[in-house]
């Protein structure tokens, strides 16, 4: 006597799979969204460090002279093709980098 068995999944098995996938998505999606924000913050910090190192390089090449104000910083550092041949780095959030004349550095952003 042959026993015939249907191939396929029952409704309960399919519902269980859907519930498990829903739980995994509920855990994974917020973490992925947070990692994107963290990446932008880290990119901004790296840009600030790069610009500050280029300010030091500029001062070294110009007898210790630093830019005098924001306009001078923009002209001599940001728009310099020798310091930034591919263009100056920009903040991923669209905020402009501000030159602090007291410290001779670009101030870090708080995002």
Protein backbone atom coordinates (compact mmCIF):
# COMPACT_ATOMS: atom_id res chain seq x y z
CA UNK A 1 0.00 0.00 0.00
CA UNK A 2 1.39 3.38 -1.02
CA UNK A 3 0.94 6.41 1.19
CA UNK A 4 0.69 9.62 -0.77
CA UNK A 5 1.98 12.72 0.92
CA UNK A 6 1.38 16.24 -0.32
CA UNK A 7 4.44 18.37 -0.87
CA UNK A 8 4.47 21.94 0.44
CA UNK A 9 4.13 23.96 3.59
CA UNK A 10 1.17 24.31 5.89
CA UNK A 11 -0.36 27.69 6.65
CA UNK A 12 1.05 27.58 10.18
CA UNK A 13 4.58 26.99 8.92
CA UNK A 14 4.33 29.95 6.54
CA UNK A 15 2.92 32.20 9.27
CA UNK A 16 5.74 31.20 11.60
CA UNK A 17 8.34 32.12 8.96
CA UNK A 18 6.65 35.49 8.37
CA UNK A 19 6.62 36.24 12.11
CA UNK A 20 10.30 35.34 12.47
CA UNK A 21 11.24 37.55 9.50
CA UNK A 22 9.20 40.39 11.00
CA UNK A 23 11.06 40.11 14.30
CA UNK A 24 14.44 40.09 12.55
CA UNK A 25 13.48 43.15 10.50
CA UNK A 26 12.30 44.98 13.63
CA UNK A 27 15.73 44.43 15.20
CA UNK A 28 17.90 45.06 12.14
CA UNK A 29 16.33 48.17 10.55
CA UNK A 30 16.87 50.57 13.49
CA UNK A 31 20.48 49.42 13.83
CA UNK A 32 21.16 50.06 10.14
CA UNK A 33 19.63 53.54 10.40
CA UNK A 34 21.84 54.32 13.42
CA UNK A 35 24.98 53.12 11.66
CA UNK A 36 24.36 55.57 8.81
CA UNK A 37 24.19 58.45 11.27
CA UNK A 38 27.37 57.28 13.00
CA UNK A 39 29.15 57.11 9.65
CA UNK A 40 28.23 60.72 8.86
CA UNK A 41 29.48 61.91 12.26
CA UNK A 42 32.76 60.05 11.81
CA UNK A 43 33.20 61.45 8.30
CA UNK A 44 32.70 64.98 9.64
CA UNK A 45 35.30 64.40 12.39
CA UNK A 46 37.76 63.03 9.84
CA UNK A 47 37.20 66.08 7.60
CA UNK A 48 37.89 68.45 10.50
CA UNK A 49 41.14 66.61 11.30
CA UNK A 50 42.17 66.70 7.63
CA UNK A 51 41.47 70.42 7.27
CA UNK A 52 43.37 71.16 10.50
CA UNK A 53 46.37 69.20 9.26
CA UNK A 54 46.27 71.16 5.99
CA UNK A 55 46.18 74.43 7.98
CA UNK A 56 49.39 73.30 9.71
CA UNK A 57 50.94 72.37 6.37
CA UNK A 58 50.03 75.79 4.99
CA UNK A 59 51.60 77.51 8.02
CA UNK A 60 54.75 75.40 7.70
CA UNK A 61 55.11 76.32 4.04
CA UNK A 62 54.49 80.04 4.75
CA UNK A 63 56.94 80.79 7.59
CA UNK A 64 54.42 80.09 10.36
CA UNK A 65 51.74 82.39 8.97
CA UNK A 66 48.16 81.24 9.48
CA UNK A 67 45.01 82.54 7.80
CA UNK A 68 43.79 85.71 9.53
CA UNK A 69 40.01 85.25 9.28
CA UNK A 70 37.26 83.12 7.72
CA UNK A 71 37.61 84.75 4.29
CA UNK A 72 41.39 84.28 4.34
CA UNK A 73 40.88 80.65 5.44
CA UNK A 74 38.47 80.05 2.56
CA UNK A 75 40.80 81.61 0.02
CA UNK A 76 44.10 80.13 1.17
CA UNK A 77 43.05 76.74 2.53
CA UNK A 78 39.64 75.61 1.28
CA UNK A 79 40.08 76.84 -2.29
CA UNK A 80 43.73 75.77 -2.54
CA UNK A 81 44.24 73.21 -5.27
CA UNK A 82 47.68 72.35 -3.89
CA UNK A 83 46.24 71.44 -0.46
CA UNK A 84 43.04 69.88 -1.81
CA UNK A 85 43.58 68.81 -5.44
CA UNK A 86 40.19 67.06 -5.56
CA UNK A 87 38.37 69.85 -3.75
CA UNK A 88 38.04 70.55 -0.05
CA UNK A 89 36.08 68.09 2.07
CA UNK A 90 32.52 69.05 2.90
CA UNK A 91 30.43 68.21 5.92
CA UNK A 92 28.02 65.32 5.22
CA UNK A 93 25.30 67.33 7.00
CA UNK A 94 25.89 70.39 4.79
CA UNK A 95 27.27 72.59 7.60
CA UNK A 96 30.15 74.90 6.71
CA UNK A 97 33.47 74.49 8.51
CA UNK A 98 34.30 77.55 10.61
CA UNK A 99 37.84 78.79 11.19
CA UNK A 100 38.60 79.91 14.76
CA UNK A 101 41.15 82.73 14.65
CA UNK A 102 42.13 82.24 18.31
CA UNK A 103 43.10 78.58 18.01
CA UNK A 104 43.98 78.64 14.30
CA UNK A 105 41.82 75.54 13.85
CA UNK A 106 38.52 74.51 12.35
CA UNK A 107 36.05 73.96 15.15
CA UNK A 108 34.46 70.53 15.42
CA UNK A 109 30.77 70.24 14.67
CA UNK A 110 28.23 68.87 17.10
CA UNK A 111 25.77 66.77 15.13
